[in-house]
Amino acid sequence: MTTAEIIKRLLRAFAQENNDKFYELAETLIQHEKSKNHHIVAKEFKRALYSENALNGLKQPRKFKTGSPLPRDSENGFPLLEIKEYDISWNDLILSEEKKNLLLQFVEEYEAREILETYGLRPKNKVLFCGKPGTGKTYAARVLSSRIRLPLISIRFDSVISSYLGETATNLRKIFSYIENTIAIVLFDEFDVIGKNRDDHFEHGEIKRVVNNFLQMLDSYEGDSLIIAATNHQHILDPALWRRFDEIVYFPLPDTDNRAKIFEIYLRAIGKRDIDIKILATKTEDLTPSDIKLICIESMKRAILGDRKKIDMTDLE
């Protein structure tokens, strides 16, 4: 199909208000330009396609559209990733102001990417999240997805890791090929599964080859998506991985004030009787936000199943 034919069909889809067809043809046009080595034009087309609505100035959610099918594992045919969209308030992310400002910088750099490029600069697009389980790494990725108005692509390591020799690296190549042609937040959760230290004598040669391949793919990645790798076990990561990231964000356990805020957020859906948030925050030292969320959920269930409209300290304790 020629460029003229694609544009003609694109305009017809626009006139018919067929959004799905419009995005499909727009992606076809982008790939067509890439095939002719018009990479700058292709990148500009892609950015225009997923930019804010320039007609009314409203920052509406970007709709993720792609003509490419989801990459799948050759062994079982399972999808290697899943795509979701989120609408989460920035205020629901409870972190220190220092950490929130660091995350906000990713948003600001992404939104100002065109200005940065005029100076030969690129926004940060490879980030490592570290911290104990339940400290908010995955949730922060969802908040960034919501704030930047891009879908979240979560990599499914249960499908990526294959029993066949060499198939895991092949699955990773499929993923990187896919995200090269999209604009999204890409989350490699439990990243240590494929990022283990190659000097670990307990690991076999296949894992070491996977780490080598992943390093090469990360180095050669030039897409517009923000890649986030998250790990609970940063101490076992291969040393060569650390310098591949533009920024490293450590998620600590919440302090007393932030634990109080987390209780307030998760208990706002139900009435309360004689609840002392300060005492709760003091008693939950060394607990993660995920732990506190579970306490709140179980307490509300206890009250609701007991035919009560309010919870009290007994429920929470």
Protein backbone atom coordinates (compact mmCIF):
# COMPACT_ATOMS: atom_id res chain seq x y z
CA MET A 1 0.00 0.00 0.00
CA THR A 2 1.43 3.40 -0.98
CA THR A 3 1.66 6.43 1.32
CA ALA A 4 -1.09 8.16 -0.66
CA GLU A 5 -3.41 5.17 -0.28
CA ILE A 6 -2.79 4.99 3.47
CA ILE A 7 -3.52 8.72 3.89
CA LYS A 8 -6.70 8.44 1.80
CA ARG A 9 -7.97 5.59 3.98
CA LEU A 10 -6.89 7.47 7.10
CA LEU A 11 -8.97 10.50 6.12
CA ARG A 12 -11.93 8.28 5.29
CA ALA A 13 -11.74 6.66 8.74
CA PHE A 14 -11.59 10.12 10.34
CA ALA A 15 -14.62 11.29 8.37
CA GLN A 16 -16.54 8.16 9.42
CA GLU A 17 -15.47 8.68 13.08
CA ASN A 18 -14.07 5.15 13.08
CA ASN A 19 -11.46 5.61 15.82
CA ASP A 20 -10.21 2.04 15.83
CA LYS A 21 -9.59 2.10 12.07
CA PHE A 22 -8.06 5.56 12.28
CA TYR A 23 -5.46 4.48 14.86
CA GLU A 24 -4.75 1.26 12.98
CA LEU A 25 -4.06 3.16 9.74
CA ALA A 26 -2.02 5.79 11.58
CA GLU A 27 0.18 3.02 12.99
CA THR A 28 0.45 1.57 9.47
CA LEU A 29 1.62 4.95 8.19
CA ILE A 30 4.25 5.15 10.94
CA GLN A 31 5.57 1.68 10.10
CA HIS A 32 5.53 2.58 6.39
CA GLU A 33 7.75 5.60 7.06
CA LYS A 34 10.09 3.48 9.18
CA SER A 35 10.42 0.96 6.35
CA LYS A 36 11.69 3.81 4.15
CA ASN A 37 14.20 4.79 6.86
CA HIS A 38 12.29 8.01 7.56
CA HIS A 39 12.80 7.52 11.30
CA ILE A 40 12.49 11.18 12.31
CA VAL A 41 9.22 11.54 10.40
CA ALA A 42 7.92 8.28 11.92
CA LYS A 43 8.76 9.49 15.42
CA GLU A 44 7.01 12.83 14.84
CA PHE A 45 3.92 11.04 13.50
CA LYS A 46 3.84 8.78 16.57
CA ARG A 47 4.14 11.68 18.97
CA ALA A 48 1.43 13.61 17.18
CA LEU A 49 -0.85 10.57 17.30
CA TYR A 50 -0.58 10.18 21.08
CA SER A 51 -0.26 13.83 22.08
CA GLU A 52 -2.82 15.84 24.03
CA ASN A 53 -5.90 17.08 22.23
CA ALA A 54 -4.53 20.24 20.59
CA LEU A 55 -7.96 21.46 19.48
CA ASN A 56 -9.48 22.11 22.89
CA GLY A 57 -6.40 22.17 25.12
CA LEU A 58 -7.76 19.41 27.33
CA LYS A 59 -5.35 16.82 28.62
CA GLN A 60 -7.50 13.83 27.83
CA PRO A 61 -6.26 10.27 28.36
CA ARG A 62 -4.17 9.02 25.48
CA LYS A 63 -5.69 5.94 23.93
CA PHE A 64 -3.25 3.14 23.39
CA LYS A 65 -3.68 1.74 19.89
CA THR A 66 -1.43 -0.51 17.93
CA GLY A 67 -1.86 -2.63 14.87
CA SER A 68 0.52 -5.25 16.26
CA PRO A 69 -0.84 -8.30 18.10
CA LEU A 70 0.45 -8.95 21.61
CA PRO A 71 3.72 -10.91 21.63
CA ARG A 72 3.27 -14.49 22.80
CA ASP A 73 5.39 -17.32 24.12
CA SER A 74 6.07 -19.83 21.34
CA GLU A 75 5.98 -22.74 23.80
CA ASN A 76 2.43 -22.26 25.15
CA GLY A 77 1.05 -19.30 23.24
CA PHE A 78 0.56 -17.25 26.41
CA PRO A 79 0.79 -13.42 26.10
CA LEU A 80 4.11 -12.03 27.33
CA LEU A 81 2.58 -8.82 28.63
CA GLU A 82 -0.70 -7.22 29.63
CA ILE A 83 -1.92 -3.67 29.03
CA LYS A 84 -4.07 -1.66 31.44
CA GLU A 85 -5.03 1.98 31.94
CA TYR A 86 -5.29 3.62 35.37
CA ASP A 87 -6.94 6.70 36.82
CA ILE A 88 -5.28 7.24 40.20
CA SER A 89 -4.91 10.47 42.14
CA TRP A 90 -1.36 11.68 42.71
CA ASN A 91 -2.38 12.34 46.34
CA ASP A 92 -3.02 8.63 46.90
CA LEU A 93 0.69 7.91 46.51
CA ILE A 94 2.10 8.22 50.02
CA LEU A 95 5.84 8.87 49.88
CA SER A 96 8.22 11.46 51.23
CA GLU A 97 8.21 14.78 49.37
CA GLU A 98 11.72 13.99 48.15
CA LYS A 99 10.59 10.75 46.51
CA LYS A 100 7.41 12.29 45.08
CA ASN A 101 9.40 15.15 43.57
CA LEU A 102 11.74 12.64 41.98
CA LEU A 103 8.79 10.81 40.39
CA LEU A 104 7.27 14.12 39.36
CA GLN A 105 10.51 14.90 37.53
CA PHE A 106 9.89 11.89 35.26
CA VAL A 107 6.48 13.35 34.39
CA GLU A 108 7.86 16.83 33.75
CA GLU A 109 10.71 15.54 31.57
CA TYR A 110 8.36 13.37 29.54
CA GLU A 111 5.93 16.24 28.94
CA ALA A 112 8.83 18.54 27.96
CA ARG A 113 10.58 15.92 25.79
CA GLU A 114 10.28 17.97 22.58
CA ILE A 115 11.88 21.00 24.22
CA LEU A 116 14.67 18.84 25.65
CA GLU A 117 15.39 17.33 22.23
CA THR A 118 15.99 20.77 20.73
CA TYR A 119 19.03 20.89 23.05
CA GLY A 120 20.09 17.35 22.18
CA LEU A 121 18.73 15.95 25.48
CA ARG A 122 16.35 13.09 26.21
CA PRO A 123 14.01 12.56 29.16
CA LYS A 124 14.88 9.77 31.57
CA ASN A 125 13.36 6.60 30.16
CA LYS A 126 15.06 3.76 32.08
CA VAL A 127 14.39 3.71 35.82
CA LEU A 128 15.05 1.18 38.58
CA PHE A 129 12.70 0.95 41.59
CA CYS A 130 14.13 -0.82 44.68
CA GLY A 131 12.64 -1.65 48.06
CA LYS A 132 10.97 -4.25 50.23
CA PRO A 133 7.76 -5.96 49.01
CA GLY A 134 4.67 -3.82 49.54
CA THR A 135 6.44 -0.45 49.72
CA GLY A 136 4.66 0.99 46.67
CA LYS A 137 6.89 0.27 43.65
CA THR A 138 4.15 -1.19 41.46
CA TYR A 139 1.63 1.38 42.70
CA ALA A 140 4.02 4.20 41.82
CA ALA A 141 4.27 2.84 38.27
CA ARG A 142 0.46 2.89 38.05
CA VAL A 143 0.34 6.46 39.33
CA LEU A 144 2.93 7.53 36.73
CA SER A 145 0.84 5.80 34.07
CA SER A 146 -2.21 7.74 35.24
CA ARG A 147 -0.36 11.05 35.55
CA ILE A 148 1.35 10.87 32.13
CA ARG A 149 -1.91 9.48 30.65
CA LEU A 150 -0.24 6.47 29.08
CA PRO A 151 -1.20 2.80 29.46
CA LEU A 152 0.83 0.53 31.71
CA ILE A 153 2.40 -2.49 30.01
CA SER A 154 3.25 -5.13 32.63
CA ILE A 155 5.66 -7.86 31.61
CA ARG A 156 4.46 -11.35 32.55
CA PHE A 157 7.55 -13.23 33.68
CA ASP A 158 5.51 -16.40 34.21
CA SER A 159 5.25 -16.52 30.41
CA VAL A 160 8.64 -15.00 29.59
CA ILE A 161 10.69 -17.62 31.46
CA SER A 162 10.71 -20.72 29.29
CA SER A 163 11.89 -24.27 29.94
CA TYR A 164 13.35 -24.42 26.42
CA LEU A 165 16.97 -23.42 25.95
CA GLY A 166 17.20 -19.97 24.39
CA GLU A 167 13.44 -19.34 24.36
CA THR A 168 13.56 -16.88 27.29
CA ALA A 169 15.91 -14.57 25.37
CA THR A 170 13.65 -14.91 22.31
CA ASN A 171 10.64 -13.85 24.41
CA LEU A 172 12.55 -10.80 25.65
CA ARG A 173 13.39 -9.83 22.07
CA LYS A 174 9.68 -10.06 21.19
CA ILE A 175 8.85 -7.74 24.08
CA PHE A 176 11.47 -5.13 23.13
CA SER A 177 10.41 -5.29 19.49
CA TYR A 178 6.83 -4.61 20.59
CA ILE A 179 7.57 -1.71 22.95
CA GLU A 180 9.86 -0.05 20.38
CA ASN A 181 6.68 0.68 18.41
CA THR A 182 4.51 1.90 21.30
CA ILE A 183 4.36 4.78 23.75
CA ALA A 184 3.61 3.51 27.26
CA ILE A 185 4.90 2.94 30.76
CA VAL A 186 6.59 -0.48 30.67
CA LEU A 187 6.95 -2.30 34.00
CA PHE A 188 9.37 -5.17 34.49
CA ASP A 189 8.17 -6.16 37.96
CA GLU A 190 10.24 -8.66 40.00
CA PHE A 191 13.03 -7.72 37.65
CA ASP A 192 15.62 -9.79 39.55
CA VAL A 193 14.19 -12.90 37.85
CA ILE A 194 16.18 -11.99 34.71
CA GLY A 195 18.74 -9.63 36.23
CA LYS A 196 20.64 -11.94 38.56
CA ASN A 197 24.37 -11.53 39.11
CA ARG A 198 26.24 -13.47 36.43
CA ASP A 199 29.03 -14.23 38.92
CA ASP A 200 26.66 -16.24 41.11
CA HIS A 201 28.09 -19.78 41.01
CA PHE A 202 24.66 -21.27 41.76
CA GLU A 203 23.20 -19.95 38.50
CA HIS A 204 23.45 -21.99 35.32
CA GLY A 205 24.65 -20.78 31.94
CA GLU A 206 21.18 -20.07 30.54
CA ILE A 207 20.46 -17.35 33.12
CA LYS A 208 23.82 -15.74 32.37
CA ARG A 209 22.98 -15.69 28.65
CA VAL A 210 19.60 -14.13 29.44
CA VAL A 211 21.27 -11.36 31.47
CA ASN A 212 23.72 -10.70 28.62
CA ASN A 213 20.88 -10.50 26.12
CA PHE A 214 18.84 -8.21 28.36
CA LEU A 215 21.80 -5.84 28.78
CA GLN A 216 22.18 -5.63 25.00
CA MET A 217 18.46 -4.97 24.49
CA LEU A 218 18.41 -2.30 27.18
CA ASP A 219 21.44 -0.59 25.64
CA SER A 220 19.95 -0.58 22.14
CA TYR A 221 16.46 0.54 23.19
CA GLU A 222 15.62 3.90 21.60
CA GLY A 223 11.84 4.00 21.98
CA ASP A 224 9.72 6.71 23.61
CA SER A 225 8.27 4.58 26.41
CA LEU A 226 9.37 4.88 30.04
CA ILE A 227 10.87 1.55 31.15
CA ILE A 228 10.58 0.82 34.89
CA ALA A 229 12.34 -2.19 36.41
CA ALA A 230 11.23 -3.02 39.96
CA THR A 231 12.92 -5.39 42.41
CA ASN A 232 12.61 -6.49 46.03
CA HIS A 233 16.11 -8.00 45.92
CA GLN A 234 18.45 -5.36 44.53
CA HIS A 235 21.40 -7.05 46.26
CA ILE A 236 21.32 -9.96 43.77
CA LEU A 237 21.24 -7.82 40.61
CA ASP A 238 24.15 -8.01 38.22
CA PRO A 239 26.48 -4.99 38.79
CA ALA A 240 26.43 -4.15 35.07
CA LEU A 241 22.69 -3.45 35.22
CA TRP A 242 22.92 -0.51 37.61
CA ARG A 243 24.64 1.85 35.18
CA ARG A 244 22.07 1.10 32.47
CA PHE A 245 19.43 3.10 34.35
CA ASP A 246 19.00 6.87 34.22
CA GLU A 247 17.69 6.99 37.79
CA ILE A 248 17.40 4.66 40.79
CA VAL A 249 14.55 5.21 43.26
CA TYR A 250 14.61 3.46 46.64
CA PHE A 251 11.23 2.93 48.35
CA PRO A 252 11.69 2.88 52.14
CA LEU A 253 9.18 1.82 54.79
CA PRO A 254 6.76 4.68 55.58
CA ASP A 255 7.47 6.87 58.60
CA THR A 256 4.87 7.57 61.31
CA ASP A 257 3.25 10.51 59.49
CA ASN A 258 2.95 8.59 56.23
CA ARG A 259 1.54 5.52 58.00
CA ALA A 260 -1.17 7.80 59.42
CA LYS A 261 -1.97 9.10 55.93
CA ILE A 262 -2.22 5.53 54.59
CA PHE A 263 -4.71 4.62 57.33
CA GLU A 264 -6.78 7.71 56.47
CA ILE A 265 -6.87 6.83 52.78
CA TYR A 266 -7.94 3.20 53.19
CA LEU A 267 -10.45 3.87 55.99
CA ARG A 268 -12.23 6.74 54.23
CA ALA A 269 -14.86 4.38 52.75
CA ILE A 270 -16.46 3.60 56.14
CA GLY A 271 -17.59 5.36 59.27
CA LYS A 272 -15.30 5.38 62.30
CA ARG A 273 -15.91 5.38 66.05
CA ASP A 274 -13.22 6.41 68.54
CA ILE A 275 -10.41 5.76 66.05
CA ASP A 276 -7.03 7.24 67.02
CA ILE A 277 -4.97 7.35 63.82
CA LYS A 278 -1.85 8.49 65.68
CA ILE A 279 -1.89 5.41 67.92
CA LEU A 280 -2.41 3.16 64.88
CA ALA A 281 0.52 4.80 63.09
CA THR A 282 2.75 4.30 66.15
CA LYS A 283 1.79 0.64 66.57
CA THR A 284 2.49 -0.23 62.92
CA GLU A 285 6.19 0.59 62.82
CA ASP A 286 8.08 -1.68 60.38
CA LEU A 287 4.90 -2.42 58.41
CA THR A 288 4.62 -1.67 54.69
CA PRO A 289 1.81 0.29 52.99
CA SER A 290 0.55 -3.06 51.70
CA ASP A 291 0.37 -4.43 55.26
CA ILE A 292 -1.61 -1.39 56.44
CA LYS A 293 -3.97 -1.67 53.48
CA LEU A 294 -4.68 -5.30 54.42
CA ILE A 295 -5.34 -4.33 58.05
CA CYS A 296 -7.87 -1.72 56.89
CA ILE A 297 -9.62 -4.05 54.45
CA GLU A 298 -9.96 -6.88 57.00
CA SER A 299 -11.20 -4.45 59.66
CA MET A 300 -13.89 -3.07 57.36
CA LYS A 301 -15.00 -6.59 56.44
CA ARG A 302 -15.22 -7.46 60.13
CA ALA A 303 -17.50 -4.49 60.77
CA ILE A 304 -19.68 -4.98 57.68
CA LEU A 305 -20.19 -8.71 58.31
CA GLY A 306 -21.04 -7.84 61.93
CA ASP A 307 -23.82 -5.58 60.61
CA ARG A 308 -22.04 -2.43 61.83
CA LYS A 309 -21.66 0.76 59.81
CA LYS A 310 -18.61 1.96 61.73
CA ILE A 311 -15.32 0.38 62.72
CA ASP A 312 -13.54 0.91 66.02
CA MET A 313 -10.07 0.36 67.45
CA THR A 314 -10.96 -3.22 68.44
CA ASP A 315 -11.50 -4.12 64.78
CA LEU A 316 -8.15 -2.65 63.76
CA GLU A 317 -6.15 -4.06 66.68
